[in-house]
Amino acid sequence: RLQQLVARMGSAYPANVTLEHSLQVPVATFVEDEVLAIVTEGLSNALRHSAGESVEVTVRLSDAGHQIVIADDGHGFNMDESKVGMGLENLRTRVENLAGRLTVTSSGSGTTVAVELPG
């Protein structure tokens, strides 16, 4: 499902989208659904707003914890001056509901959204 999601979303934009994933244990359907929702939101934001040439999606799921990183090489944004849109707010809420941590870093060379969820 993850590969299909990334391929489908990536095909709608000119950016090159790559996926690296590691699934070390069987993942509960609830966790899988949440991971897919987080990837959808983060990838959608990168494709629609970054104007980058590439977006890298990395998903590592294990019993120790889950990591999702979506990184683009776009123009970035000033997090102190930028109005936080619904996309980042949706991500923040979803991650907090899962007792996880969301980190967003942005500069003139791109934006990285990193999510850590407990295993």
N, C-alpha and C. Protein backbone atom coordinates (compact mmCIF):
# COMPACT_ATOMS: atom_id res chain seq x y z
N ARG A 1 0.83 -1.20 0.00
CA ARG A 1 0.00 0.00 0.00
C ARG A 1 0.86 1.26 0.00
N LEU A 2 1.95 1.23 0.75
CA LEU A 2 2.84 2.39 0.82
C LEU A 2 3.47 2.68 -0.55
N GLN A 3 3.97 1.66 -1.21
CA GLN A 3 4.57 1.85 -2.53
C GLN A 3 3.54 2.39 -3.52
N GLN A 4 2.34 1.86 -3.50
CA GLN A 4 1.29 2.33 -4.41
C GLN A 4 0.93 3.78 -4.13
N LEU A 5 0.84 4.15 -2.86
CA LEU A 5 0.51 5.51 -2.48
C LEU A 5 1.56 6.49 -3.00
N VAL A 6 2.82 6.20 -2.74
CA VAL A 6 3.90 7.09 -3.15
C VAL A 6 3.97 7.18 -4.68
N ALA A 7 3.83 6.07 -5.36
CA ALA A 7 3.87 6.08 -6.83
C ALA A 7 2.71 6.89 -7.40
N ARG A 8 1.52 6.70 -6.87
CA ARG A 8 0.34 7.42 -7.36
C ARG A 8 0.47 8.92 -7.13
N MET A 9 0.87 9.31 -5.93
CA MET A 9 0.99 10.74 -5.63
C MET A 9 2.13 11.36 -6.43
N GLY A 10 3.25 10.66 -6.54
CA GLY A 10 4.39 11.18 -7.27
C GLY A 10 4.13 11.37 -8.75
N SER A 11 3.28 10.52 -9.32
CA SER A 11 3.02 10.60 -10.76
C SER A 11 2.21 11.84 -11.14
N ALA A 12 1.59 12.48 -10.19
CA ALA A 12 0.76 13.65 -10.46
C ALA A 12 1.55 14.96 -10.47
N TYR A 13 2.85 14.88 -10.17
CA TYR A 13 3.68 16.09 -10.07
C TYR A 13 4.99 15.87 -10.82
N PRO A 14 5.65 16.96 -11.22
CA PRO A 14 6.91 16.80 -11.95
C PRO A 14 8.10 16.39 -11.09
N ALA A 15 7.99 16.46 -9.79
CA ALA A 15 9.12 16.11 -8.91
C ALA A 15 9.39 14.60 -8.96
N ASN A 16 10.63 14.23 -8.78
CA ASN A 16 11.02 12.83 -8.67
C ASN A 16 10.80 12.40 -7.22
N VAL A 17 9.95 11.41 -7.01
CA VAL A 17 9.64 10.94 -5.65
C VAL A 17 10.23 9.54 -5.48
N THR A 18 11.02 9.38 -4.42
CA THR A 18 11.60 8.07 -4.13
C THR A 18 11.11 7.59 -2.77
N LEU A 19 11.10 6.28 -2.61
CA LEU A 19 10.67 5.66 -1.36
C LEU A 19 11.72 4.67 -0.91
N GLU A 20 12.11 4.79 0.35
CA GLU A 20 12.95 3.80 1.00
C GLU A 20 12.17 3.32 2.22
N HIS A 21 12.04 2.02 2.36
CA HIS A 21 11.29 1.55 3.52
C HIS A 21 11.91 0.29 4.10
N SER A 22 11.62 0.10 5.37
CA SER A 22 12.08 -1.06 6.11
C SER A 22 10.94 -1.50 7.00
N LEU A 23 10.43 -2.66 6.74
CA LEU A 23 9.35 -3.21 7.56
C LEU A 23 9.92 -4.45 8.26
N GLN A 24 10.23 -4.28 9.54
CA GLN A 24 10.91 -5.35 10.25
C GLN A 24 9.97 -6.31 10.99
N VAL A 25 8.77 -5.90 11.22
CA VAL A 25 7.82 -6.75 11.93
C VAL A 25 6.46 -6.59 11.27
N PRO A 26 5.57 -7.56 11.45
CA PRO A 26 4.21 -7.34 10.97
C PRO A 26 3.62 -6.11 11.67
N VAL A 27 2.97 -5.28 10.91
CA VAL A 27 2.45 -4.03 11.44
C VAL A 27 0.94 -4.13 11.57
N ALA A 28 0.42 -3.72 12.72
CA ALA A 28 -1.02 -3.74 12.93
C ALA A 28 -1.70 -2.83 11.91
N THR A 29 -2.90 -3.18 11.50
CA THR A 29 -3.64 -2.40 10.51
C THR A 29 -3.80 -0.96 10.96
N PHE A 30 -4.06 -0.72 12.24
CA PHE A 30 -4.21 0.64 12.75
C PHE A 30 -2.94 1.45 12.52
N VAL A 31 -1.77 0.86 12.84
CA VAL A 31 -0.50 1.55 12.65
C VAL A 31 -0.26 1.80 11.17
N GLU A 32 -0.52 0.81 10.34
CA GLU A 32 -0.35 0.96 8.90
C GLU A 32 -1.21 2.10 8.36
N ASP A 33 -2.46 2.16 8.79
CA ASP A 33 -3.36 3.22 8.34
C ASP A 33 -2.85 4.59 8.77
N GLU A 34 -2.34 4.71 9.99
CA GLU A 34 -1.83 5.98 10.48
C GLU A 34 -0.56 6.39 9.74
N VAL A 35 0.32 5.43 9.49
CA VAL A 35 1.54 5.72 8.73
C VAL A 35 1.18 6.21 7.33
N LEU A 36 0.23 5.55 6.69
CA LEU A 36 -0.19 5.97 5.35
C LEU A 36 -0.79 7.38 5.38
N ALA A 37 -1.55 7.69 6.39
CA ALA A 37 -2.14 9.04 6.50
C ALA A 37 -1.06 10.09 6.70
N ILE A 38 -0.05 9.78 7.52
CA ILE A 38 1.04 10.72 7.75
C ILE A 38 1.85 10.93 6.47
N VAL A 39 2.16 9.85 5.77
CA VAL A 39 2.89 9.97 4.50
C VAL A 39 2.08 10.76 3.49
N THR A 40 0.79 10.50 3.41
CA THR A 40 -0.07 11.23 2.48
C THR A 40 -0.01 12.72 2.74
N GLU A 41 -0.17 13.12 3.99
CA GLU A 41 -0.18 14.54 4.33
C GLU A 41 1.18 15.18 4.08
N GLY A 42 2.24 14.55 4.54
CA GLY A 42 3.57 15.11 4.37
C GLY A 42 4.00 15.18 2.92
N LEU A 43 3.74 14.13 2.17
CA LEU A 43 4.11 14.10 0.75
C LEU A 43 3.29 15.10 -0.04
N SER A 44 2.02 15.20 0.27
CA SER A 44 1.16 16.18 -0.40
C SER A 44 1.68 17.60 -0.18
N ASN A 45 2.05 17.93 1.06
CA ASN A 45 2.60 19.25 1.35
C ASN A 45 3.86 19.51 0.53
N ALA A 46 4.77 18.53 0.50
CA ALA A 46 6.02 18.71 -0.23
C ALA A 46 5.77 18.89 -1.72
N LEU A 47 4.91 18.08 -2.28
CA LEU A 47 4.65 18.16 -3.72
C LEU A 47 3.93 19.45 -4.10
N ARG A 48 3.01 19.90 -3.28
CA ARG A 48 2.23 21.09 -3.62
C ARG A 48 2.95 22.39 -3.34
N HIS A 49 3.82 22.42 -2.34
CA HIS A 49 4.35 23.70 -1.89
C HIS A 49 5.86 23.91 -2.07
N SER A 50 6.64 22.85 -2.21
CA SER A 50 8.09 23.03 -2.17
C SER A 50 8.70 23.54 -3.46
N ALA A 51 8.06 23.25 -4.59
CA ALA A 51 8.64 23.57 -5.91
C ALA A 51 10.00 22.90 -6.08
N GLY A 52 10.19 21.79 -5.42
CA GLY A 52 11.45 21.07 -5.50
C GLY A 52 11.48 20.10 -6.67
N GLU A 53 12.69 19.63 -6.95
CA GLU A 53 12.87 18.65 -8.02
C GLU A 53 12.74 17.22 -7.51
N SER A 54 12.96 17.02 -6.21
CA SER A 54 12.86 15.67 -5.67
C SER A 54 12.31 15.67 -4.25
N VAL A 55 11.67 14.56 -3.93
CA VAL A 55 11.16 14.33 -2.58
C VAL A 55 11.53 12.89 -2.21
N GLU A 56 12.14 12.74 -1.05
CA GLU A 56 12.52 11.42 -0.56
C GLU A 56 11.63 11.06 0.62
N VAL A 57 11.00 9.90 0.53
CA VAL A 57 10.16 9.39 1.61
C VAL A 57 10.87 8.17 2.19
N THR A 58 11.10 8.20 3.50
CA THR A 58 11.74 7.08 4.19
C THR A 58 10.81 6.64 5.32
N VAL A 59 10.52 5.34 5.36
CA VAL A 59 9.65 4.79 6.39
C VAL A 59 10.35 3.57 6.97
N ARG A 60 10.57 3.61 8.28
CA ARG A 60 11.16 2.47 8.99
C ARG A 60 10.21 2.08 10.11
N LEU A 61 9.70 0.88 10.02
CA LEU A 61 8.78 0.38 11.04
C LEU A 61 9.43 -0.81 11.73
N SER A 62 9.49 -0.75 13.05
CA SER A 62 10.04 -1.86 13.82
C SER A 62 9.34 -1.91 15.17
N ASP A 63 9.60 -2.97 15.91
CA ASP A 63 8.98 -3.06 17.24
C ASP A 63 9.58 -2.04 18.20
N ALA A 64 10.75 -1.48 17.88
CA ALA A 64 11.37 -0.46 18.74
C ALA A 64 10.76 0.92 18.52
N GLY A 65 10.15 1.14 17.38
CA GLY A 65 9.55 2.43 17.07
C GLY A 65 9.45 2.63 15.57
N HIS A 66 8.74 3.62 15.18
CA HIS A 66 8.49 3.88 13.76
C HIS A 66 9.02 5.27 13.41
N GLN A 67 9.71 5.35 12.27
CA GLN A 67 10.24 6.63 11.80
C GLN A 67 9.73 6.89 10.40
N ILE A 68 9.29 8.11 10.17
CA ILE A 68 8.85 8.54 8.85
C ILE A 68 9.57 9.86 8.58
N VAL A 69 10.24 9.94 7.44
CA VAL A 69 10.93 11.18 7.07
C VAL A 69 10.54 11.51 5.63
N ILE A 70 10.12 12.74 5.43
CA ILE A 70 9.80 13.23 4.09
C ILE A 70 10.65 14.48 3.88
N ALA A 71 11.56 14.40 2.91
CA ALA A 71 12.52 15.48 2.69
C ALA A 71 12.46 15.93 1.23
N ASP A 72 12.36 17.23 1.02
CA ASP A 72 12.37 17.77 -0.34
C ASP A 72 13.54 18.72 -0.53
N ASP A 73 13.84 19.02 -1.78
CA ASP A 73 14.93 19.96 -2.09
C ASP A 73 14.37 21.28 -2.63
N GLY A 74 13.22 21.64 -2.15
CA GLY A 74 12.55 22.86 -2.61
C GLY A 74 13.06 24.12 -1.96
N HIS A 75 12.29 25.18 -2.09
CA HIS A 75 12.71 26.50 -1.62
C HIS A 75 12.55 26.70 -0.12
N GLY A 76 11.90 25.78 0.56
CA GLY A 76 11.72 25.89 2.00
C GLY A 76 10.83 27.05 2.39
N PHE A 77 10.75 27.29 3.67
CA PHE A 77 9.95 28.41 4.17
C PHE A 77 10.50 28.83 5.52
N ASN A 78 10.25 30.07 5.88
CA ASN A 78 10.68 30.60 7.17
C ASN A 78 9.62 30.21 8.19
N MET A 79 9.96 29.32 9.07
CA MET A 79 8.99 28.80 10.02
C MET A 79 8.54 29.85 11.03
N ASP A 80 9.37 30.88 11.27
CA ASP A 80 8.99 31.93 12.20
C ASP A 80 8.00 32.91 11.58
N GLU A 81 8.06 33.06 10.26
CA GLU A 81 7.21 34.04 9.60
C GLU A 81 6.05 33.41 8.84
N SER A 82 6.15 32.13 8.56
CA SER A 82 5.14 31.46 7.74
C SER A 82 3.91 31.14 8.57
N LYS A 83 2.77 31.34 7.96
CA LYS A 83 1.51 30.93 8.59
C LYS A 83 1.44 29.41 8.52
N VAL A 84 1.23 28.80 9.62
CA VAL A 84 1.12 27.34 9.65
C VAL A 84 -0.21 26.96 9.02
N GLY A 85 -0.12 26.16 7.97
CA GLY A 85 -1.33 25.74 7.26
C GLY A 85 -1.95 24.52 7.91
N MET A 86 -3.04 24.11 7.37
CA MET A 86 -3.76 22.95 7.90
C MET A 86 -2.95 21.66 7.75
N GLY A 87 -2.12 21.58 6.70
CA GLY A 87 -1.34 20.36 6.49
C GLY A 87 -0.43 20.05 7.67
N LEU A 88 0.36 21.02 8.08
CA LEU A 88 1.25 20.79 9.23
C LEU A 88 0.46 20.63 10.52
N GLU A 89 -0.61 21.36 10.65
CA GLU A 89 -1.44 21.23 11.85
C GLU A 89 -2.08 19.83 11.91
N ASN A 90 -2.55 19.33 10.77
CA ASN A 90 -3.10 17.97 10.72
C ASN A 90 -2.05 16.94 11.11
N LEU A 91 -0.83 17.11 10.58
CA LEU A 91 0.26 16.20 10.94
C LEU A 91 0.55 16.25 12.43
N ARG A 92 0.67 17.45 12.95
CA ARG A 92 0.98 17.63 14.37
C ARG A 92 -0.07 16.92 15.24
N THR A 93 -1.33 17.14 14.94
CA THR A 93 -2.41 16.53 15.71
C THR A 93 -2.37 15.01 15.62
N ARG A 94 -2.19 14.49 14.42
CA ARG A 94 -2.16 13.04 14.22
C ARG A 94 -1.00 12.42 15.01
N VAL A 95 0.18 13.04 14.93
CA VAL A 95 1.36 12.52 15.61
C VAL A 95 1.18 12.60 17.13
N GLU A 96 0.66 13.72 17.63
CA GLU A 96 0.43 13.85 19.07
C GLU A 96 -0.57 12.82 19.57
N ASN A 97 -1.61 12.52 18.78
CA ASN A 97 -2.60 11.52 19.17
C ASN A 97 -1.99 10.13 19.26
N LEU A 98 -0.86 9.92 18.59
CA LEU A 98 -0.17 8.64 18.63
C LEU A 98 1.00 8.65 19.61
N ALA A 99 1.08 9.70 20.44
CA ALA A 99 2.16 9.87 21.42
C ALA A 99 3.53 9.93 20.75
N GLY A 100 3.56 10.52 19.56
CA GLY A 100 4.81 10.62 18.83
C GLY A 100 5.39 12.02 18.86
N ARG A 101 6.43 12.20 18.06
CA ARG A 101 7.11 13.49 17.99
C ARG A 101 7.26 13.90 16.53
N LEU A 102 6.92 15.14 16.24
CA LEU A 102 7.05 15.72 14.90
C LEU A 102 8.12 16.80 14.94
N THR A 103 9.06 16.73 13.99
CA THR A 103 10.09 17.75 13.86
C THR A 103 10.07 18.23 12.42
N VAL A 104 9.98 19.55 12.24
CA VAL A 104 10.00 20.14 10.90
C VAL A 104 11.17 21.10 10.85
N THR A 105 12.04 20.92 9.85
CA THR A 105 13.14 21.84 9.63
C THR A 105 13.05 22.33 8.19
N SER A 106 13.34 23.60 7.99
CA SER A 106 13.23 24.17 6.66
C SER A 106 14.28 25.24 6.45
N SER A 107 14.80 25.28 5.23
CA SER A 107 15.77 26.30 4.85
C SER A 107 15.61 26.55 3.35
N GLY A 108 16.44 27.39 2.81
CA GLY A 108 16.37 27.68 1.38
C GLY A 108 16.71 26.50 0.50
N SER A 109 17.21 25.43 1.10
CA SER A 109 17.56 24.24 0.31
C SER A 109 16.59 23.08 0.53
N GLY A 110 15.49 23.32 1.21
CA GLY A 110 14.49 22.26 1.35
C GLY A 110 13.89 22.17 2.73
N THR A 111 12.95 21.26 2.84
CA THR A 111 12.22 21.04 4.09
C THR A 111 12.25 19.55 4.42
N THR A 112 12.40 19.26 5.70
CA THR A 112 12.36 17.88 6.18
C THR A 112 11.30 17.78 7.27
N VAL A 113 10.41 16.82 7.11
CA VAL A 113 9.40 16.49 8.11
C VAL A 113 9.79 15.12 8.66
N ALA A 114 10.05 15.07 9.96
CA ALA A 114 10.44 13.81 10.60
C ALA A 114 9.45 13.47 11.69
N VAL A 115 8.99 12.22 11.67
CA VAL A 115 8.02 11.74 12.65
C VAL A 115 8.60 10.51 13.33
N GLU A 116 8.52 10.51 14.64
CA GLU A 116 8.90 9.34 15.43
C GLU A 116 7.69 8.90 16.23
N LEU A 117 7.36 7.63 16.10
CA LEU A 117 6.22 7.06 16.81
C LEU A 117 6.70 5.90 17.67
N PRO A 118 6.09 5.71 18.83
CA PRO A 118 6.48 4.55 19.66
C PRO A 118 6.12 3.25 18.96
N GLY A 119 6.87 2.19 19.28
CA GLY A 119 6.66 0.87 18.67
C GLY A 119 5.46 0.17 19.21
